[in-house]
């Protein structure tokens, strides 16, 4: 029998600690080995108990979630899930993810027992997923600073579309700064992130990138050097105007998709508009969002590359594409920017 996942629960609320412990202990695959009231206590308990995974509140006295992630990752890398109830704490969420936290779980804003229990399935699944993450891939990588110069030639594609999930904030913070200011085509990105965080994350990416990065809005005109991050809660699709411009559209349809935004929806729309001149990129993430979209791209004659397992935090989305025979090449994160530039 597989040993249970030893989990440490960190939250300054006794009520939340009780409910989260109850939720996780309800799974035979998880053992809650301890609870801590703040980041300082969590550091001590993590050293004593050697947990496999930590769930950590963001706002706490003495040492908050960001401080805990930074200090713990410097001591010993552990998969850490951040729990937060307010998008107003977005700055701290992005800091925690940049420091190495593996993922984010949105707590209900009203901490009623039933509402907290409503995140049971998501929280249990994310703890199980976190346990599988390669620890070396959780560490905050030094951002590249050497500029790359694009040499104009006959373009092979007219757009690059990216699908990414668990481990995505770290992956995009590494990838986008490596792309040159004169990047010759637009980019569109689906990142699975709770509602309320994508605009802020796009701003942070824009600060460290030579590209212009922003959250997609209805009517945004796609152009070279612009990277649009799909808005959480809305699918990102495209339409061609009477003047032959391609513009972004946000939609809640199709509603049956597990993820909104969905890489499948973005990739299909790109393939319908740009035909064989699409490069699809599937990076780290849980599940198989993007596999159907890659099939649309390949059916139109476009190209698909996937992140290699060696650099993924979770090798789920890329694996699904590779196993379906849809990937033209598997590229580690350190070589992804060059691989994209070679193909455009």
C-alpha atoms as a PDB file:
ATOM      1  CA  UNK A   1       0.000   0.000   0.000  1.00  0.00           C
ATOM      2  CA  UNK A   2       1.282   3.473  -0.896  1.00  0.00           C
ATOM      3  CA  UNK A   3       2.208   5.600   2.121  1.00  0.00           C
ATOM      4  CA  UNK A   4      -0.198   8.511   2.710  1.00  0.00           C
ATOM      5  CA  UNK A   5       0.842  12.018   1.738  1.00  0.00           C
ATOM      6  CA  UNK A   6       2.125  13.682   4.906  1.00  0.00           C
ATOM      7  CA  UNK A   7       0.594  17.154   4.948  1.00  0.00           C
ATOM      8  CA  UNK A   8       1.119  20.203   7.155  1.00  0.00           C
ATOM      9  CA  UNK A   9      -1.795  22.677   7.418  1.00  0.00           C
ATOM     10  CA  UNK A  10      -0.929  26.330   8.100  1.00  0.00           C
ATOM     11  CA  UNK A  11      -3.596  28.970   8.870  1.00  0.00           C
ATOM     12  CA  UNK A  12      -4.050  31.623  11.533  1.00  0.00           C
ATOM     13  CA  UNK A  13      -7.755  30.769  11.850  1.00  0.00           C
ATOM     14  CA  UNK A  14      -8.499  27.860  14.192  1.00  0.00           C
ATOM     15  CA  UNK A  15     -11.782  27.332  12.339  1.00  0.00           C
ATOM     16  CA  UNK A  16     -10.089  27.051   8.938  1.00  0.00           C
ATOM     17  CA  UNK A  17      -7.386  24.774  10.343  1.00  0.00           C
ATOM     18  CA  UNK A  18     -10.104  22.478  11.697  1.00  0.00           C
ATOM     19  CA  UNK A  19     -12.059  22.340   8.418  1.00  0.00           C
ATOM     20  CA  UNK A  20      -9.000  21.923   6.166  1.00  0.00           C
ATOM     21  CA  UNK A  21      -7.702  19.162   8.445  1.00  0.00           C
ATOM     22  CA  UNK A  22     -11.108  17.476   8.336  1.00  0.00           C
ATOM     23  CA  UNK A  23     -11.247  17.738   4.513  1.00  0.00           C
ATOM     24  CA  UNK A  24      -7.772  16.294   3.977  1.00  0.00           C
ATOM     25  CA  UNK A  25      -8.084  13.597   6.624  1.00  0.00           C
ATOM     26  CA  UNK A  26     -11.198  12.389   4.825  1.00  0.00           C
ATOM     27  CA  UNK A  27      -8.972  11.057   2.050  1.00  0.00           C
ATOM     28  CA  UNK A  28      -7.269   7.725   2.737  1.00  0.00           C
ATOM     29  CA  UNK A  29      -4.336   8.968   0.642  1.00  0.00           C
ATOM     30  CA  UNK A  30      -3.570  11.954   2.893  1.00  0.00           C
ATOM     31  CA  UNK A  31      -2.374  12.166   6.503  1.00  0.00           C
ATOM     32  CA  UNK A  32      -2.377  15.548   8.255  1.00  0.00           C
ATOM     33  CA  UNK A  33       0.756  15.342  10.387  1.00  0.00           C
ATOM     34  CA  UNK A  34       0.458  18.784  11.954  1.00  0.00           C
ATOM     35  CA  UNK A  35      -1.170  22.223  12.008  1.00  0.00           C
ATOM     36  CA  UNK A  36       0.544  25.594  12.446  1.00  0.00           C
ATOM     37  CA  UNK A  37      -0.846  29.066  13.250  1.00  0.00           C
ATOM     38  CA  UNK A  38       1.621  31.184  11.270  1.00  0.00           C
ATOM     39  CA  UNK A  39       4.693  31.004   9.094  1.00  0.00           C
ATOM     40  CA  UNK A  40       7.195  30.979  11.948  1.00  0.00           C
ATOM     41  CA  UNK A  41       5.523  28.007  13.603  1.00  0.00           C
ATOM     42  CA  UNK A  42       5.212  26.332  10.205  1.00  0.00           C
ATOM     43  CA  UNK A  43       8.974  26.583   9.589  1.00  0.00           C
ATOM     44  CA  UNK A  44       9.663  24.840  12.896  1.00  0.00           C
ATOM     45  CA  UNK A  45       7.067  22.136  12.263  1.00  0.00           C
ATOM     46  CA  UNK A  46       8.243  21.554   8.699  1.00  0.00           C
ATOM     47  CA  UNK A  47      11.750  20.891  10.025  1.00  0.00           C
ATOM     48  CA  UNK A  48      10.469  18.530  12.735  1.00  0.00           C
ATOM     49  CA  UNK A  49       7.799  16.683  10.740  1.00  0.00           C
ATOM     50  CA  UNK A  50       9.318  16.628   7.222  1.00  0.00           C
ATOM     51  CA  UNK A  51       5.919  16.857   5.474  1.00  0.00           C
ATOM     52  CA  UNK A  52       5.456  15.934   1.806  1.00  0.00           C
ATOM     53  CA  UNK A  53       3.085  18.858   1.106  1.00  0.00           C
ATOM     54  CA  UNK A  54       2.099  22.087   2.905  1.00  0.00           C
ATOM     55  CA  UNK A  55      -1.166  24.008   2.603  1.00  0.00           C
ATOM     56  CA  UNK A  56      -0.558  27.603   3.662  1.00  0.00           C
ATOM     57  CA  UNK A  57      -2.760  30.611   4.308  1.00  0.00           C
ATOM     58  CA  UNK A  58      -1.551  33.838   2.714  1.00  0.00           C
ATOM     59  CA  UNK A  59      -2.305  36.491   5.349  1.00  0.00           C
ATOM     60  CA  UNK A  60      -0.967  35.589   8.805  1.00  0.00           C
ATOM     61  CA  UNK A  61       0.724  37.348  11.746  1.00  0.00           C
ATOM     62  CA  UNK A  62       4.475  37.188  12.429  1.00  0.00           C
ATOM     63  CA  UNK A  63       5.378  35.521   9.108  1.00  0.00           C
ATOM     64  CA  UNK A  64       2.876  35.511   6.249  1.00  0.00           C
ATOM     65  CA  UNK A  65       2.502  33.012   3.444  1.00  0.00           C
ATOM     66  CA  UNK A  66       4.974  34.768   1.129  1.00  0.00           C
ATOM     67  CA  UNK A  67       7.633  34.871   3.839  1.00  0.00           C
ATOM     68  CA  UNK A  68       7.063  31.230   4.684  1.00  0.00           C
ATOM     69  CA  UNK A  69       7.407  30.121   1.050  1.00  0.00           C
ATOM     70  CA  UNK A  70      10.653  32.054   0.615  1.00  0.00           C
ATOM     71  CA  UNK A  71      12.245  30.782   3.820  1.00  0.00           C
ATOM     72  CA  UNK A  72      11.051  27.205   3.447  1.00  0.00           C
ATOM     73  CA  UNK A  73      12.160  26.879  -0.171  1.00  0.00           C
ATOM     74  CA  UNK A  74      15.597  28.193   0.827  1.00  0.00           C
ATOM     75  CA  UNK A  75      15.812  25.499   3.517  1.00  0.00           C
ATOM     76  CA  UNK A  76      14.195  22.534   1.780  1.00  0.00           C
ATOM     77  CA  UNK A  77      11.957  22.534  -1.282  1.00  0.00           C
ATOM     78  CA  UNK A  78       8.439  21.301  -0.445  1.00  0.00           C
ATOM     79  CA  UNK A  79       5.329  21.536  -2.634  1.00  0.00           C
ATOM     80  CA  UNK A  80       3.328  24.384  -1.057  1.00  0.00           C
ATOM     81  CA  UNK A  81      -0.300  25.195  -1.880  1.00  0.00           C
ATOM     82  CA  UNK A  82      -1.389  28.753  -1.110  1.00  0.00           C
ATOM     83  CA  UNK A  83      -4.917  29.254   0.257  1.00  0.00           C
ATOM     84  CA  UNK A  84      -6.462  32.703   0.022  1.00  0.00           C
ATOM     85  CA  UNK A  85      -9.966  34.151   0.120  1.00  0.00           C
ATOM     86  CA  UNK A  86      -9.476  37.563  -1.441  1.00  0.00           C
ATOM     87  CA  UNK A  87      -8.319  38.687  -4.916  1.00  0.00           C
ATOM     88  CA  UNK A  88      -7.317  41.930  -3.169  1.00  0.00           C
ATOM     89  CA  UNK A  89      -4.285  39.985  -1.952  1.00  0.00           C
ATOM     90  CA  UNK A  90      -3.252  39.373  -5.568  1.00  0.00           C
ATOM     91  CA  UNK A  91       0.173  41.008  -5.175  1.00  0.00           C
ATOM     92  CA  UNK A  92       1.063  38.575  -2.400  1.00  0.00           C
ATOM     93  CA  UNK A  93      -0.339  35.617  -4.333  1.00  0.00           C
ATOM     94  CA  UNK A  94       1.895  36.418  -7.302  1.00  0.00           C
ATOM     95  CA  UNK A  95       4.893  36.867  -4.970  1.00  0.00           C
ATOM     96  CA  UNK A  96       4.242  33.480  -3.352  1.00  0.00           C
ATOM     97  CA  UNK A  97       3.944  31.739  -6.711  1.00  0.00           C
ATOM     98  CA  UNK A  98       7.123  33.440  -7.938  1.00  0.00           C
ATOM     99  CA  UNK A  99       8.921  32.272  -4.791  1.00  0.00           C
ATOM    100  CA  UNK A 100       8.061  28.656  -5.549  1.00  0.00           C
ATOM    101  CA  UNK A 101       4.530  27.910  -4.292  1.00  0.00           C
ATOM    102  CA  UNK A 102       3.117  25.267  -6.595  1.00  0.00           C
ATOM    103  CA  UNK A 103      -0.491  26.415  -6.905  1.00  0.00           C
ATOM    104  CA  UNK A 104      -3.355  28.472  -5.518  1.00  0.00           C
ATOM    105  CA  UNK A 105      -6.624  27.366  -3.921  1.00  0.00           C
ATOM    106  CA  UNK A 106      -9.343  29.988  -3.620  1.00  0.00           C
ATOM    107  CA  UNK A 107     -11.128  29.849  -0.266  1.00  0.00           C
ATOM    108  CA  UNK A 108     -14.753  31.037  -0.071  1.00  0.00           C
ATOM    109  CA  UNK A 109     -14.994  34.687   0.962  1.00  0.00           C
ATOM    110  CA  UNK A 110     -17.569  33.754   3.614  1.00  0.00           C
ATOM    111  CA  UNK A 111     -16.013  31.112   5.834  1.00  0.00           C
ATOM    112  CA  UNK A 112     -19.206  29.146   6.437  1.00  0.00           C
ATOM    113  CA  UNK A 113     -18.571  25.467   7.096  1.00  0.00           C
ATOM    114  CA  UNK A 114     -20.468  24.230   4.053  1.00  0.00           C
ATOM    115  CA  UNK A 115     -18.789  26.763   1.735  1.00  0.00           C
ATOM    116  CA  UNK A 116     -15.352  25.697   2.952  1.00  0.00           C
ATOM    117  CA  UNK A 117     -16.274  22.052   2.519  1.00  0.00           C
ATOM    118  CA  UNK A 118     -17.256  22.944  -1.031  1.00  0.00           C
ATOM    119  CA  UNK A 119     -13.553  23.103  -1.973  1.00  0.00           C
ATOM    120  CA  UNK A 120     -13.005  19.530  -0.689  1.00  0.00           C
ATOM    121  CA  UNK A 121     -12.544  17.837  -4.063  1.00  0.00           C
ATOM    122  CA  UNK A 122     -10.302  20.571  -5.447  1.00  0.00           C
ATOM    123  CA  UNK A 123      -8.105  20.718  -2.347  1.00  0.00           C
ATOM    124  CA  UNK A 124      -7.657  16.951  -2.077  1.00  0.00           C
ATOM    125  CA  UNK A 125      -6.840  16.677  -5.785  1.00  0.00           C
ATOM    126  CA  UNK A 126      -4.298  19.508  -5.617  1.00  0.00           C
ATOM    127  CA  UNK A 127      -2.546  17.967  -2.614  1.00  0.00           C
ATOM    128  CA  UNK A 128      -2.279  14.647  -4.484  1.00  0.00           C
ATOM    129  CA  UNK A 129      -0.997  16.444  -7.579  1.00  0.00           C
ATOM    130  CA  UNK A 130       1.507  18.517  -5.584  1.00  0.00           C
ATOM    131  CA  UNK A 131       3.032  15.349  -4.181  1.00  0.00           C
ATOM    132  CA  UNK A 132       4.071  14.324  -7.718  1.00  0.00           C
ATOM    133  CA  UNK A 133       5.900  17.587  -8.488  1.00  0.00           C
ATOM    134  CA  UNK A 134       9.704  17.318  -8.991  1.00  0.00           C
ATOM    135  CA  UNK A 135      11.145  19.427  -6.193  1.00  0.00           C
ATOM    136  CA  UNK A 136      13.932  20.923  -8.313  1.00  0.00           C
ATOM    137  CA  UNK A 137      11.327  22.403 -10.682  1.00  0.00           C
ATOM    138  CA  UNK A 138       9.612  24.336  -7.869  1.00  0.00           C
ATOM    139  CA  UNK A 139      12.572  26.593  -7.157  1.00  0.00           C
ATOM    140  CA  UNK A 140      12.406  30.154  -8.450  1.00  0.00           C
ATOM    141  CA  UNK A 141      14.734  30.279 -11.446  1.00  0.00           C
ATOM    142  CA  UNK A 142      16.976  33.265 -12.050  1.00  0.00           C
ATOM    143  CA  UNK A 143      15.357  35.343 -14.761  1.00  0.00           C
ATOM    144  CA  UNK A 144      17.354  35.541 -18.007  1.00  0.00           C
ATOM    145  CA  UNK A 145      18.614  38.965 -18.982  1.00  0.00           C
ATOM    146  CA  UNK A 146      20.545  38.390 -22.204  1.00  0.00           C
ATOM    147  CA  UNK A 147      18.531  39.909 -25.064  1.00  0.00           C
ATOM    148  CA  UNK A 148      17.744  37.857 -28.131  1.00  0.00           C
ATOM    149  CA  UNK A 149      17.651  39.574 -31.495  1.00  0.00           C
ATOM    150  CA  UNK A 150      15.132  38.310 -34.014  1.00  0.00           C
ATOM    151  CA  UNK A 151      16.481  37.965 -37.549  1.00  0.00           C
ATOM    152  CA  UNK A 152      13.641  38.662 -40.003  1.00  0.00           C
ATOM    153  CA  UNK A 153      12.981  35.967 -42.574  1.00  0.00           C
ATOM    154  CA  UNK A 154       9.985  34.380 -44.217  1.00  0.00           C
ATOM    155  CA  UNK A 155       7.594  33.709 -41.336  1.00  0.00           C
ATOM    156  CA  UNK A 156       6.279  30.194 -40.911  1.00  0.00           C
ATOM    157  CA  UNK A 157       3.491  31.105 -38.481  1.00  0.00           C
ATOM    158  CA  UNK A 158       1.252  34.083 -37.778  1.00  0.00           C
ATOM    159  CA  UNK A 159       0.500  33.423 -34.102  1.00  0.00           C
ATOM    160  CA  UNK A 160       1.844  31.495 -31.105  1.00  0.00           C
ATOM    161  CA  UNK A 161      -0.737  30.122 -28.655  1.00  0.00           C
ATOM    162  CA  UNK A 162       0.256  28.769 -25.247  1.00  0.00           C
ATOM    163  CA  UNK A 163      -1.602  26.541 -22.784  1.00  0.00           C
ATOM    164  CA  UNK A 164      -0.229  26.182 -19.242  1.00  0.00           C
ATOM    165  CA  UNK A 165      -1.517  25.381 -15.759  1.00  0.00           C
ATOM    166  CA  UNK A 166       0.124  24.108 -12.538  1.00  0.00           C
ATOM    167  CA  UNK A 167       3.607  25.609 -12.404  1.00  0.00           C
ATOM    168  CA  UNK A 168       2.530  28.147 -15.008  1.00  0.00           C
ATOM    169  CA  UNK A 169       3.435  31.362 -13.192  1.00  0.00           C
ATOM    170  CA  UNK A 170       7.026  30.185 -12.766  1.00  0.00           C
ATOM    171  CA  UNK A 171       7.159  28.899 -16.347  1.00  0.00           C
ATOM    172  CA  UNK A 172       5.863  32.113 -17.906  1.00  0.00           C
ATOM    173  CA  UNK A 173       8.139  34.260 -15.724  1.00  0.00           C
ATOM    174  CA  UNK A 174      11.048  32.312 -17.190  1.00  0.00           C
ATOM    175  CA  UNK A 175       9.887  32.105 -20.807  1.00  0.00           C
ATOM    176  CA  UNK A 176       8.475  35.523 -21.695  1.00  0.00           C
ATOM    177  CA  UNK A 177      11.521  37.652 -20.717  1.00  0.00           C
ATOM    178  CA  UNK A 178      13.571  35.614 -23.197  1.00  0.00           C
ATOM    179  CA  UNK A 179      11.458  36.673 -26.176  1.00  0.00           C
ATOM    180  CA  UNK A 180      12.678  39.791 -28.035  1.00  0.00           C
ATOM    181  CA  UNK A 181      10.881  43.109 -28.291  1.00  0.00           C
ATOM    182  CA  UNK A 182      10.647  42.671 -32.055  1.00  0.00           C
ATOM    183  CA  UNK A 183       8.915  39.284 -31.714  1.00  0.00           C
ATOM    184  CA  UNK A 184       7.271  39.098 -35.137  1.00  0.00           C
ATOM    185  CA  UNK A 185       3.861  37.602 -34.288  1.00  0.00           C
ATOM    186  CA  UNK A 186       1.264  37.946 -31.495  1.00  0.00           C
ATOM    187  CA  UNK A 187       1.052  35.514 -28.585  1.00  0.00           C
ATOM    188  CA  UNK A 188      -2.089  34.395 -26.768  1.00  0.00           C
ATOM    189  CA  UNK A 189      -1.852  32.507 -23.478  1.00  0.00           C
ATOM    190  CA  UNK A 190      -4.296  30.461 -21.413  1.00  0.00           C
ATOM    191  CA  UNK A 191      -3.159  30.029 -17.794  1.00  0.00           C
ATOM    192  CA  UNK A 192      -5.477  28.228 -15.382  1.00  0.00           C
ATOM    193  CA  UNK A 193      -5.805  30.710 -12.520  1.00  0.00           C
ATOM    194  CA  UNK A 194      -8.734  31.739 -10.278  1.00  0.00           C
ATOM    195  CA  UNK A 195     -10.830  34.777 -11.206  1.00  0.00           C
ATOM    196  CA  UNK A 196      -9.326  38.042 -10.055  1.00  0.00           C
ATOM    197  CA  UNK A 197      -5.629  37.296 -10.579  1.00  0.00           C
ATOM    198  CA  UNK A 198      -4.905  37.277 -14.313  1.00  0.00           C
ATOM    199  CA  UNK A 199      -4.869  41.068 -14.776  1.00  0.00           C
ATOM    200  CA  UNK A 200      -2.346  41.502 -11.978  1.00  0.00           C
ATOM    201  CA  UNK A 201      -0.221  38.610 -13.184  1.00  0.00           C
ATOM    202  CA  UNK A 202      -0.182  40.072 -16.699  1.00  0.00           C
ATOM    203  CA  UNK A 203       1.062  43.372 -15.220  1.00  0.00           C
ATOM    204  CA  UNK A 204       3.875  41.551 -13.407  1.00  0.00           C
ATOM    205  CA  UNK A 205       4.876  39.738 -16.603  1.00  0.00           C
ATOM    206  CA  UNK A 206       4.825  43.023 -18.504  1.00  0.00           C
ATOM    207  CA  UNK A 207       7.267  44.525 -15.986  1.00  0.00           C
ATOM    208  CA  UNK A 208       9.892  41.841 -16.642  1.00  0.00           C
ATOM    209  CA  UNK A 209       9.307  41.287 -20.388  1.00  0.00           C
ATOM    210  CA  UNK A 210      10.379  43.112 -23.513  1.00  0.00           C
ATOM    211  CA  UNK A 211       7.045  42.146 -25.069  1.00  0.00           C
ATOM    212  CA  UNK A 212       3.898  44.048 -24.166  1.00  0.00           C
ATOM    213  CA  UNK A 213       1.935  41.695 -21.907  1.00  0.00           C
ATOM    214  CA  UNK A 214      -1.618  42.405 -20.770  1.00  0.00           C
ATOM    215  CA  UNK A 215      -4.860  40.703 -19.859  1.00  0.00           C
ATOM    216  CA  UNK A 216      -7.022  40.224 -22.954  1.00  0.00           C
ATOM    217  CA  UNK A 217     -10.004  42.520 -23.466  1.00  0.00           C
ATOM    218  CA  UNK A 218     -12.803  42.390 -26.024  1.00  0.00           C
ATOM    219  CA  UNK A 219     -11.664  44.061 -29.235  1.00  0.00           C
ATOM    220  CA  UNK A 220      -7.911  43.902 -28.624  1.00  0.00           C
ATOM    221  CA  UNK A 221      -6.222  43.888 -32.024  1.00  0.00           C
ATOM    222  CA  UNK A 222      -3.607  41.156 -32.355  1.00  0.00           C
ATOM    223  CA  UNK A 223      -0.231  42.438 -33.505  1.00  0.00           C
ATOM    224  CA  UNK A 224       3.445  41.444 -33.357  1.00  0.00           C
ATOM    225  CA  UNK A 225       5.068  41.849 -29.956  1.00  0.00           C
ATOM    226  CA  UNK A 226       1.773  41.742 -28.038  1.00  0.00           C
ATOM    227  CA  UNK A 227       1.110  38.881 -25.610  1.00  0.00           C
ATOM    228  CA  UNK A 228      -2.487  38.538 -24.418  1.00  0.00           C
ATOM    229  CA  UNK A 229      -3.209  36.570 -21.249  1.00  0.00           C
ATOM    230  CA  UNK A 230      -6.733  35.135 -21.255  1.00  0.00           C
ATOM    231  CA  UNK A 231      -8.974  36.546 -18.539  1.00  0.00           C
ATOM    232  CA  UNK A 232      -9.876  34.058 -15.794  1.00  0.00           C
ATOM    233  CA  UNK A 233     -13.531  33.064 -16.137  1.00  0.00           C
ATOM    234  CA  UNK A 234     -13.729  33.802 -19.898  1.00  0.00           C
ATOM    235  CA  UNK A 235     -12.629  31.872 -22.957  1.00  0.00           C
ATOM    236  CA  UNK A 236     -10.369  33.756 -25.371  1.00  0.00           C
ATOM    237  CA  UNK A 237     -11.265  33.420 -29.064  1.00  0.00           C
ATOM    238  CA  UNK A 238     -10.603  35.423 -32.227  1.00  0.00           C
ATOM    239  CA  UNK A 239     -12.547  36.921 -35.113  1.00  0.00           C
ATOM    240  CA  UNK A 240     -11.409  38.570 -38.324  1.00  0.00           C
ATOM    241  CA  UNK A 241     -12.855  42.010 -39.040  1.00  0.00           C
ATOM    242  CA  UNK A 242     -13.952  43.458 -42.381  1.00  0.00           C
ATOM    243  CA  UNK A 243     -10.624  45.320 -42.479  1.00  0.00           C
ATOM    244  CA  UNK A 244      -8.793  41.952 -42.137  1.00  0.00           C
ATOM    245  CA  UNK A 245      -7.607  42.614 -38.584  1.00  0.00           C
ATOM    246  CA  UNK A 246      -7.854  39.796 -36.062  1.00  0.00           C
ATOM    247  CA  UNK A 247      -9.338  40.862 -32.728  1.00  0.00           C
ATOM    248  CA  UNK A 248      -9.845  39.158 -29.375  1.00  0.00           C
ATOM    249  CA  UNK A 249     -13.257  38.173 -28.075  1.00  0.00           C
ATOM    250  CA  UNK A 250     -14.105  36.988 -24.557  1.00  0.00           C
ATOM    251  CA  UNK A 251     -16.889  34.468 -24.069  1.00  0.00           C
ATOM    252  CA  UNK A 252     -18.366  32.177 -21.434  1.00  0.00           C
ATOM    253  CA  UNK A 253     -19.242  29.696 -24.191  1.00  0.00           C
ATOM    254  CA  UNK A 254     -18.731  26.779 -24.339  1.00  0.00           C
ATOM    255  CA  UNK A 255     -19.898  26.415 -20.742  1.00  0.00           C
ATOM    256  CA  UNK A 256     -19.297  22.662 -20.600  1.00  0.00           C
ATOM    257  CA  UNK A 257     -15.518  23.065 -20.513  1.00  0.00           C
ATOM    258  CA  UNK A 258     -13.939  22.217 -17.142  1.00  0.00           C
ATOM    259  CA  UNK A 259     -11.568  25.164 -17.504  1.00  0.00           C
ATOM    260  CA  UNK A 260     -12.574  28.693 -18.418  1.00  0.00           C
ATOM    261  CA  UNK A 261     -10.457  29.884 -20.132  1.00  0.00           C
ATOM    262  CA  UNK A 262      -9.610  26.678 -21.957  1.00  0.00           C
ATOM    263  CA  UNK A 263      -6.543  26.049 -24.100  1.00  0.00           C
ATOM    264  CA  UNK A 264      -8.727  23.812 -26.296  1.00  0.00           C
ATOM    265  CA  UNK A 265     -11.024  26.731 -27.120  1.00  0.00           C
ATOM    266  CA  UNK A 266      -8.145  29.157 -27.764  1.00  0.00           C
ATOM    267  CA  UNK A 267      -6.230  26.707 -29.950  1.00  0.00           C
ATOM    268  CA  UNK A 268      -9.293  25.751 -32.003  1.00  0.00           C
ATOM    269  CA  UNK A 269     -10.119  29.416 -32.639  1.00  0.00           C
ATOM    270  CA  UNK A 270      -6.523  30.137 -33.674  1.00  0.00           C
ATOM    271  CA  UNK A 271      -6.573  27.188 -36.086  1.00  0.00           C
ATOM    272  CA  UNK A 272      -9.856  28.348 -37.624  1.00  0.00           C
ATOM    273  CA  UNK A 273      -8.539  31.890 -38.178  1.00  0.00           C
ATOM    274  CA  UNK A 274      -4.888  31.279 -39.052  1.00  0.00           C
ATOM    275  CA  UNK A 275      -5.163  27.755 -40.564  1.00  0.00           C
ATOM    276  CA  UNK A 276      -1.705  26.183 -40.957  1.00  0.00           C
ATOM    277  CA  UNK A 277       0.141  29.235 -39.633  1.00  0.00           C
ATOM    278  CA  UNK A 278      -0.267  28.454 -35.921  1.00  0.00           C
ATOM    279  CA  UNK A 279       2.331  27.290 -33.417  1.00  0.00           C
ATOM    280  CA  UNK A 280       0.753  25.682 -30.364  1.00  0.00           C
ATOM    281  CA  UNK A 281       2.791  25.348 -27.153  1.00  0.00           C
ATOM    282  CA  UNK A 282       1.625  23.133 -24.285  1.00  0.00           C
ATOM    283  CA  UNK A 283       3.531  23.552 -21.039  1.00  0.00           C
ATOM    284  CA  UNK A 284       3.397  22.269 -17.468  1.00  0.00           C
ATOM    285  CA  UNK A 285      -0.025  21.532 -16.021  1.00  0.00           C
ATOM    286  CA  UNK A 286      -2.478  18.992 -14.689  1.00  0.00           C
ATOM    287  CA  UNK A 287      -5.065  17.281 -16.884  1.00  0.00           C
ATOM    288  CA  UNK A 288      -5.413  17.305 -20.666  1.00  0.00           C
ATOM    289  CA  UNK A 289      -6.639  20.796 -21.572  1.00  0.00           C
ATOM    290  CA  UNK A 290      -5.081  21.629 -24.925  1.00  0.00           C
ATOM    291  CA  UNK A 291      -5.058  18.115 -26.372  1.00  0.00           C
ATOM    292  CA  UNK A 292      -8.195  18.669 -28.476  1.00  0.00           C
ATOM    293  CA  UNK A 293      -6.959  22.123 -29.453  1.00  0.00           C
ATOM    294  CA  UNK A 294      -3.635  20.677 -30.616  1.00  0.00           C
ATOM    295  CA  UNK A 295      -5.575  18.207 -32.764  1.00  0.00           C
ATOM    296  CA  UNK A 296      -7.316  21.180 -34.442  1.00  0.00           C
ATOM    297  CA  UNK A 297      -3.948  22.871 -35.069  1.00  0.00           C
ATOM    298  CA  UNK A 298      -2.412  19.717 -36.527  1.00  0.00           C
ATOM    299  CA  UNK A 299      -5.477  19.047 -38.692  1.00  0.00           C
ATOM    300  CA  UNK A 300      -4.975  22.475 -40.289  1.00  0.00           C
ATOM    301  CA  UNK A 301      -1.269  21.801 -40.881  1.00  0.00           C
ATOM    302  CA  UNK A 302       0.078  23.841 -37.971  1.00  0.00           C
ATOM    303  CA  UNK A 303       2.823  22.858 -35.521  1.00  0.00           C
ATOM    304  CA  UNK A 304       2.781  21.865 -31.837  1.00  0.00           C
ATOM    305  CA  UNK A 305       5.593  21.693 -29.295  1.00  0.00           C
ATOM    306  CA  UNK A 306       5.334  20.479 -25.707  1.00  0.00           C
ATOM    307  CA  UNK A 307       7.377  21.088 -22.592  1.00  0.00           C
ATOM    308  CA  UNK A 308       9.637  18.148 -21.755  1.00  0.00           C
ATOM    309  CA  UNK A 309       8.812  16.147 -18.648  1.00  0.00           C
ATOM    310  CA  UNK A 310      12.201  17.018 -17.144  1.00  0.00           C
ATOM    311  CA  UNK A 311      11.232  20.669 -16.532  1.00  0.00           C
ATOM    312  CA  UNK A 312       7.486  20.343 -15.846  1.00  0.00           C
ATOM    313  CA  UNK A 313       6.111  20.855 -12.364  1.00  0.00           C
ATOM    314  CA  UNK A 314       3.242  18.584 -13.467  1.00  0.00           C
ATOM    315  CA  UNK A 315       3.634  16.536 -16.646  1.00  0.00           C
ATOM    316  CA  UNK A 316      -0.080  16.184 -17.358  1.00  0.00           C
ATOM    317  CA  UNK A 317      -1.090  18.499 -20.191  1.00  0.00           C
ATOM    318  CA  UNK A 318       2.090  17.904 -22.227  1.00  0.00           C
ATOM    319  CA  UNK A 319       1.865  14.141 -21.657  1.00  0.00           C
ATOM    320  CA  UNK A 320      -1.686  14.027 -23.030  1.00  0.00           C
ATOM    321  CA  UNK A 321      -0.537  15.751 -26.232  1.00  0.00           C
ATOM    322  CA  UNK A 322       2.553  13.557 -26.636  1.00  0.00           C
ATOM    323  CA  UNK A 323       0.613  10.338 -26.046  1.00  0.00           C
ATOM    324  CA  UNK A 324      -1.968  11.424 -28.630  1.00  0.00           C
ATOM    325  CA  UNK A 325       0.831  11.725 -31.180  1.00  0.00           C
ATOM    326  CA  UNK A 326       0.291  15.468 -31.606  1.00  0.00           C
ATOM    327  CA  UNK A 327       3.651  16.859 -30.426  1.00  0.00           C
ATOM    328  CA  UNK A 328       6.309  17.717 -32.996  1.00  0.00           C
ATOM    329  CA  UNK A 329       8.990  18.138 -30.323  1.00  0.00           C
ATOM    330  CA  UNK A 330       9.407  17.990 -26.528  1.00  0.00           C
ATOM    331  CA  UNK A 331      11.495  20.923 -25.295  1.00  0.00           C
ATOM    332  CA  UNK A 332      12.722  21.653 -21.735  1.00  0.00           C
ATOM    333  CA  UNK A 333      11.805  25.078 -20.373  1.00  0.00           C
ATOM    334  CA  UNK A 334      15.390  26.328 -20.746  1.00  0.00           C
ATOM    335  CA  UNK A 335      15.206  25.761 -24.506  1.00  0.00           C
ATOM    336  CA  UNK A 336      11.591  26.763 -25.104  1.00  0.00           C
ATOM    337  CA  UNK A 337      12.230  30.362 -26.205  1.00  0.00           C
ATOM    338  CA  UNK A 338      14.803  29.248 -28.786  1.00  0.00           C
ATOM    339  CA  UNK A 339      12.485  26.485 -29.989  1.00  0.00           C
ATOM    340  CA  UNK A 340       9.682  29.007 -30.533  1.00  0.00           C
ATOM    341  CA  UNK A 341      11.968  31.474 -32.327  1.00  0.00           C
ATOM    342  CA  UNK A 342      13.303  28.729 -34.614  1.00  0.00           C
ATOM    343  CA  UNK A 343       9.776  27.808 -35.650  1.00  0.00           C
ATOM    344  CA  UNK A 344       8.583  31.310 -36.525  1.00  0.00           C
END
